[in-house]
């Protein structure tokens, strides 16, 4: 990309981001919603992810718009939101009360949010990939860059942590 003129490079980057948004935004929004259980926050996450993508492409830190990259950034951003308590139980309850839901659904979502807050940070990303996405240890290893053995150990630690709460 360095041999392109500045305007050609800019056009190329715009096309990459446009295509990535068209191909992956809906999936990323659903993923963020599955983690956060908040429609507005999930849309905000997708916008933040694509803003980050634009910055990273512009700085030359990444060369392409890989779905794996976008999934990882989306997951980490959601985890950061949970960690920083920007998505609080009250907001989730208020959203759920606005839309009719069974008391069981409300209970499950509140419980899931509280559990995510209790899980140590290194395990949160793996928890999302395993329990929400249904990824295998090998797939999680590929996404996170950890060895499969490390992922399996963290899954065991995660199961022990979760066993204390159920």
C-alpha atoms as a PDB file:
ATOM      1  CA  UNK A   1       0.000   0.000   0.000  1.00  0.00           C
ATOM      2  CA  UNK A   2       2.997   2.342   0.379  1.00  0.00           C
ATOM      3  CA  UNK A   3       3.326   2.680  -3.405  1.00  0.00           C
ATOM      4  CA  UNK A   4      -0.161   4.216  -3.649  1.00  0.00           C
ATOM      5  CA  UNK A   5      -0.598   7.977  -3.672  1.00  0.00           C
ATOM      6  CA  UNK A   6      -2.204   9.521  -0.602  1.00  0.00           C
ATOM      7  CA  UNK A   7      -5.592   9.917  -2.304  1.00  0.00           C
ATOM      8  CA  UNK A   8      -5.444   6.378  -3.750  1.00  0.00           C
ATOM      9  CA  UNK A   9      -4.503   5.014  -0.326  1.00  0.00           C
ATOM     10  CA  UNK A  10      -7.368   6.900   1.293  1.00  0.00           C
ATOM     11  CA  UNK A  11      -9.823   5.590  -1.309  1.00  0.00           C
ATOM     12  CA  UNK A  12      -8.499   2.070  -0.826  1.00  0.00           C
ATOM     13  CA  UNK A  13      -8.880   2.297   2.970  1.00  0.00           C
ATOM     14  CA  UNK A  14     -12.406   3.700   2.627  1.00  0.00           C
ATOM     15  CA  UNK A  15     -13.356   0.806   0.384  1.00  0.00           C
ATOM     16  CA  UNK A  16     -11.859  -1.740   2.802  1.00  0.00           C
ATOM     17  CA  UNK A  17     -13.817  -0.291   5.721  1.00  0.00           C
ATOM     18  CA  UNK A  18     -17.030   0.051   3.701  1.00  0.00           C
ATOM     19  CA  UNK A  19     -16.813  -3.569   2.601  1.00  0.00           C
ATOM     20  CA  UNK A  20     -15.995  -4.785   6.119  1.00  0.00           C
ATOM     21  CA  UNK A  21     -18.933  -2.829   7.529  1.00  0.00           C
ATOM     22  CA  UNK A  22     -21.268  -4.193   4.888  1.00  0.00           C
ATOM     23  CA  UNK A  23     -20.060  -7.770   5.445  1.00  0.00           C
ATOM     24  CA  UNK A  24     -19.695  -7.879   9.220  1.00  0.00           C
ATOM     25  CA  UNK A  25     -21.534  -5.062  11.045  1.00  0.00           C
ATOM     26  CA  UNK A  26     -24.745  -7.013  11.589  1.00  0.00           C
ATOM     27  CA  UNK A  27     -22.886 -10.029  12.985  1.00  0.00           C
ATOM     28  CA  UNK A  28     -20.733  -7.842  15.239  1.00  0.00           C
ATOM     29  CA  UNK A  29     -23.803  -6.004  16.531  1.00  0.00           C
ATOM     30  CA  UNK A  30     -25.514  -9.320  17.367  1.00  0.00           C
ATOM     31  CA  UNK A  31     -22.344 -10.482  19.078  1.00  0.00           C
ATOM     32  CA  UNK A  32     -22.130  -7.324  21.166  1.00  0.00           C
ATOM     33  CA  UNK A  33     -25.803  -7.664  22.051  1.00  0.00           C
ATOM     34  CA  UNK A  34     -25.259 -11.277  23.137  1.00  0.00           C
ATOM     35  CA  UNK A  35     -22.561 -10.088  25.532  1.00  0.00           C
ATOM     36  CA  UNK A  36     -24.073  -6.825  26.775  1.00  0.00           C
ATOM     37  CA  UNK A  37     -27.813  -7.504  26.439  1.00  0.00           C
ATOM     38  CA  UNK A  38     -28.329  -3.874  25.482  1.00  0.00           C
ATOM     39  CA  UNK A  39     -29.328  -2.885  21.940  1.00  0.00           C
ATOM     40  CA  UNK A  40     -28.092   0.718  22.158  1.00  0.00           C
ATOM     41  CA  UNK A  41     -24.776  -0.248  23.721  1.00  0.00           C
ATOM     42  CA  UNK A  42     -24.258  -2.965  21.107  1.00  0.00           C
ATOM     43  CA  UNK A  43     -24.716  -0.421  18.281  1.00  0.00           C
ATOM     44  CA  UNK A  44     -22.258   1.902  20.020  1.00  0.00           C
ATOM     45  CA  UNK A  45     -19.738  -0.930  20.302  1.00  0.00           C
ATOM     46  CA  UNK A  46     -19.915  -1.631  16.563  1.00  0.00           C
ATOM     47  CA  UNK A  47     -19.324   2.052  15.799  1.00  0.00           C
ATOM     48  CA  UNK A  48     -16.341   2.101  18.165  1.00  0.00           C
ATOM     49  CA  UNK A  49     -14.944  -1.055  16.572  1.00  0.00           C
ATOM     50  CA  UNK A  50     -15.080   0.470  13.094  1.00  0.00           C
ATOM     51  CA  UNK A  51     -13.583   3.734  14.315  1.00  0.00           C
ATOM     52  CA  UNK A  52     -10.715   1.717  15.758  1.00  0.00           C
ATOM     53  CA  UNK A  53     -10.415  -0.195  12.481  1.00  0.00           C
ATOM     54  CA  UNK A  54     -10.121   3.084  10.567  1.00  0.00           C
ATOM     55  CA  UNK A  55      -7.424   4.352  12.959  1.00  0.00           C
ATOM     56  CA  UNK A  56      -5.464   1.099  12.802  1.00  0.00           C
ATOM     57  CA  UNK A  57      -5.617   0.924   9.003  1.00  0.00           C
ATOM     58  CA  UNK A  58      -4.630   4.573   8.708  1.00  0.00           C
ATOM     59  CA  UNK A  59      -1.642   4.066  11.001  1.00  0.00           C
ATOM     60  CA  UNK A  60      -0.589   0.999   9.041  1.00  0.00           C
ATOM     61  CA  UNK A  61      -0.852  -1.305  12.061  1.00  0.00           C
ATOM     62  CA  UNK A  62      -3.071  -3.728  10.177  1.00  0.00           C
ATOM     63  CA  UNK A  63      -3.362  -4.379   6.457  1.00  0.00           C
ATOM     64  CA  UNK A  64      -6.788  -5.995   6.127  1.00  0.00           C
ATOM     65  CA  UNK A  65     -10.203  -6.178   7.754  1.00  0.00           C
ATOM     66  CA  UNK A  66     -10.130  -9.730   9.080  1.00  0.00           C
ATOM     67  CA  UNK A  67     -13.308 -11.032  10.691  1.00  0.00           C
ATOM     68  CA  UNK A  68     -11.147 -12.542  13.439  1.00  0.00           C
ATOM     69  CA  UNK A  69      -9.704  -9.103  14.174  1.00  0.00           C
ATOM     70  CA  UNK A  70     -13.175  -7.530  14.264  1.00  0.00           C
ATOM     71  CA  UNK A  71     -14.558 -10.277  16.526  1.00  0.00           C
ATOM     72  CA  UNK A  72     -11.679  -9.888  18.933  1.00  0.00           C
ATOM     73  CA  UNK A  73     -11.940  -6.100  19.088  1.00  0.00           C
ATOM     74  CA  UNK A  74     -15.723  -6.337  19.571  1.00  0.00           C
ATOM     75  CA  UNK A  75     -15.383  -8.894  22.355  1.00  0.00           C
ATOM     76  CA  UNK A  76     -12.664  -6.946  24.145  1.00  0.00           C
ATOM     77  CA  UNK A  77     -14.597  -3.698  23.869  1.00  0.00           C
ATOM     78  CA  UNK A  78     -17.684  -5.340  25.400  1.00  0.00           C
ATOM     79  CA  UNK A  79     -15.594  -6.786  28.202  1.00  0.00           C
ATOM     80  CA  UNK A  80     -14.077  -3.352  28.827  1.00  0.00           C
ATOM     81  CA  UNK A  81     -17.569  -1.874  29.061  1.00  0.00           C
ATOM     82  CA  UNK A  82     -18.605  -4.481  31.584  1.00  0.00           C
ATOM     83  CA  UNK A  83     -15.386  -3.988  33.547  1.00  0.00           C
ATOM     84  CA  UNK A  84     -15.782  -0.232  33.681  1.00  0.00           C
ATOM     85  CA  UNK A  85     -19.384  -0.633  34.791  1.00  0.00           C
ATOM     86  CA  UNK A  86     -20.676   1.597  32.022  1.00  0.00           C
ATOM     87  CA  UNK A  87     -23.213  -1.146  31.463  1.00  0.00           C
ATOM     88  CA  UNK A  88     -24.747  -1.420  34.912  1.00  0.00           C
ATOM     89  CA  UNK A  89     -27.375  -3.815  36.203  1.00  0.00           C
ATOM     90  CA  UNK A  90     -29.857  -0.944  36.467  1.00  0.00           C
ATOM     91  CA  UNK A  91     -29.548  -0.117  32.766  1.00  0.00           C
ATOM     92  CA  UNK A  92     -30.029  -3.736  31.812  1.00  0.00           C
ATOM     93  CA  UNK A  93     -33.055  -4.054  34.093  1.00  0.00           C
ATOM     94  CA  UNK A  94     -34.531  -0.833  32.724  1.00  0.00           C
ATOM     95  CA  UNK A  95     -34.084  -2.041  29.141  1.00  0.00           C
ATOM     96  CA  UNK A  96     -35.639  -5.382  29.961  1.00  0.00           C
ATOM     97  CA  UNK A  97     -38.586  -3.787  31.766  1.00  0.00           C
ATOM     98  CA  UNK A  98     -39.265  -1.568  28.752  1.00  0.00           C
ATOM     99  CA  UNK A  99     -39.667  -4.632  26.529  1.00  0.00           C
ATOM    100  CA  UNK A 100     -41.880  -7.447  27.772  1.00  0.00           C
ATOM    101  CA  UNK A 101     -39.818 -10.420  28.834  1.00  0.00           C
ATOM    102  CA  UNK A 102     -40.436 -13.406  30.986  1.00  0.00           C
ATOM    103  CA  UNK A 103     -39.193 -13.240  34.547  1.00  0.00           C
ATOM    104  CA  UNK A 104     -36.934 -16.200  33.735  1.00  0.00           C
ATOM    105  CA  UNK A 105     -35.279 -14.289  30.861  1.00  0.00           C
ATOM    106  CA  UNK A 106     -34.781 -11.262  33.079  1.00  0.00           C
ATOM    107  CA  UNK A 107     -33.301 -13.435  35.813  1.00  0.00           C
ATOM    108  CA  UNK A 108     -30.947 -15.199  33.370  1.00  0.00           C
ATOM    109  CA  UNK A 109     -29.686 -11.949  31.874  1.00  0.00           C
ATOM    110  CA  UNK A 110     -29.141 -10.353  35.277  1.00  0.00           C
ATOM    111  CA  UNK A 111     -27.349 -13.472  36.486  1.00  0.00           C
ATOM    112  CA  UNK A 112     -25.140 -13.557  33.364  1.00  0.00           C
ATOM    113  CA  UNK A 113     -24.181  -9.903  33.860  1.00  0.00           C
ATOM    114  CA  UNK A 114     -23.332 -10.480  37.513  1.00  0.00           C
ATOM    115  CA  UNK A 115     -21.297 -13.580  36.658  1.00  0.00           C
ATOM    116  CA  UNK A 116     -19.295 -11.695  34.012  1.00  0.00           C
ATOM    117  CA  UNK A 117     -18.472  -9.064  36.619  1.00  0.00           C
ATOM    118  CA  UNK A 118     -17.120 -11.793  38.934  1.00  0.00           C
ATOM    119  CA  UNK A 119     -14.954 -13.593  36.369  1.00  0.00           C
ATOM    120  CA  UNK A 120     -11.256 -12.626  36.406  1.00  0.00           C
ATOM    121  CA  UNK A 121     -10.284 -10.513  33.393  1.00  0.00           C
ATOM    122  CA  UNK A 122      -8.091 -13.127  31.625  1.00  0.00           C
ATOM    123  CA  UNK A 123     -11.058 -15.520  31.607  1.00  0.00           C
ATOM    124  CA  UNK A 124     -13.751 -13.127  30.322  1.00  0.00           C
ATOM    125  CA  UNK A 125     -12.724 -13.261  26.680  1.00  0.00           C
ATOM    126  CA  UNK A 126     -12.507 -17.052  26.768  1.00  0.00           C
ATOM    127  CA  UNK A 127     -15.893 -17.239  28.535  1.00  0.00           C
ATOM    128  CA  UNK A 128     -17.533 -15.254  25.754  1.00  0.00           C
ATOM    129  CA  UNK A 129     -15.941 -17.307  23.001  1.00  0.00           C
ATOM    130  CA  UNK A 130     -16.792 -20.609  24.671  1.00  0.00           C
ATOM    131  CA  UNK A 131     -20.227 -20.045  26.217  1.00  0.00           C
ATOM    132  CA  UNK A 132     -21.744 -17.482  23.868  1.00  0.00           C
ATOM    133  CA  UNK A 133     -20.134 -18.426  20.557  1.00  0.00           C
ATOM    134  CA  UNK A 134     -19.670 -22.131  21.243  1.00  0.00           C
ATOM    135  CA  UNK A 135     -16.068 -22.085  20.001  1.00  0.00           C
ATOM    136  CA  UNK A 136     -13.785 -25.025  20.733  1.00  0.00           C
ATOM    137  CA  UNK A 137     -10.497 -24.647  22.591  1.00  0.00           C
ATOM    138  CA  UNK A 138      -8.627 -24.846  19.274  1.00  0.00           C
ATOM    139  CA  UNK A 139     -10.749 -22.068  17.752  1.00  0.00           C
ATOM    140  CA  UNK A 140     -10.301 -19.883  20.836  1.00  0.00           C
ATOM    141  CA  UNK A 141      -6.545 -20.488  20.716  1.00  0.00           C
ATOM    142  CA  UNK A 142      -6.495 -19.307  17.094  1.00  0.00           C
ATOM    143  CA  UNK A 143      -8.522 -16.178  17.921  1.00  0.00           C
ATOM    144  CA  UNK A 144      -6.590 -15.180  21.025  1.00  0.00           C
ATOM    145  CA  UNK A 145      -3.089 -16.229  20.059  1.00  0.00           C
ATOM    146  CA  UNK A 146      -2.769 -18.465  23.126  1.00  0.00           C
ATOM    147  CA  UNK A 147      -1.807 -22.109  22.939  1.00  0.00           C
ATOM    148  CA  UNK A 148      -4.618 -24.646  22.996  1.00  0.00           C
ATOM    149  CA  UNK A 149      -3.256 -25.967  26.282  1.00  0.00           C
ATOM    150  CA  UNK A 150      -3.460 -22.497  27.863  1.00  0.00           C
ATOM    151  CA  UNK A 151      -7.030 -22.119  26.647  1.00  0.00           C
ATOM    152  CA  UNK A 152      -7.986 -25.514  28.114  1.00  0.00           C
ATOM    153  CA  UNK A 153      -6.419 -24.577  31.461  1.00  0.00           C
ATOM    154  CA  UNK A 154      -8.296 -21.286  31.481  1.00  0.00           C
ATOM    155  CA  UNK A 155     -11.547 -23.069  30.610  1.00  0.00           C
ATOM    156  CA  UNK A 156     -11.003 -25.373  33.588  1.00  0.00           C
ATOM    157  CA  UNK A 157     -10.343 -22.364  35.834  1.00  0.00           C
ATOM    158  CA  UNK A 158     -13.436 -20.693  34.421  1.00  0.00           C
ATOM    159  CA  UNK A 159     -15.606 -23.726  35.180  1.00  0.00           C
ATOM    160  CA  UNK A 160     -14.302 -23.786  38.758  1.00  0.00           C
ATOM    161  CA  UNK A 161     -15.048 -20.077  39.141  1.00  0.00           C
ATOM    162  CA  UNK A 162     -18.564 -20.468  37.745  1.00  0.00           C
ATOM    163  CA  UNK A 163     -19.231 -23.523  39.944  1.00  0.00           C
ATOM    164  CA  UNK A 164     -18.929 -21.291  43.000  1.00  0.00           C
ATOM    165  CA  UNK A 165     -21.894 -19.209  41.814  1.00  0.00           C
ATOM    166  CA  UNK A 166     -24.335 -21.901  40.728  1.00  0.00           C
END
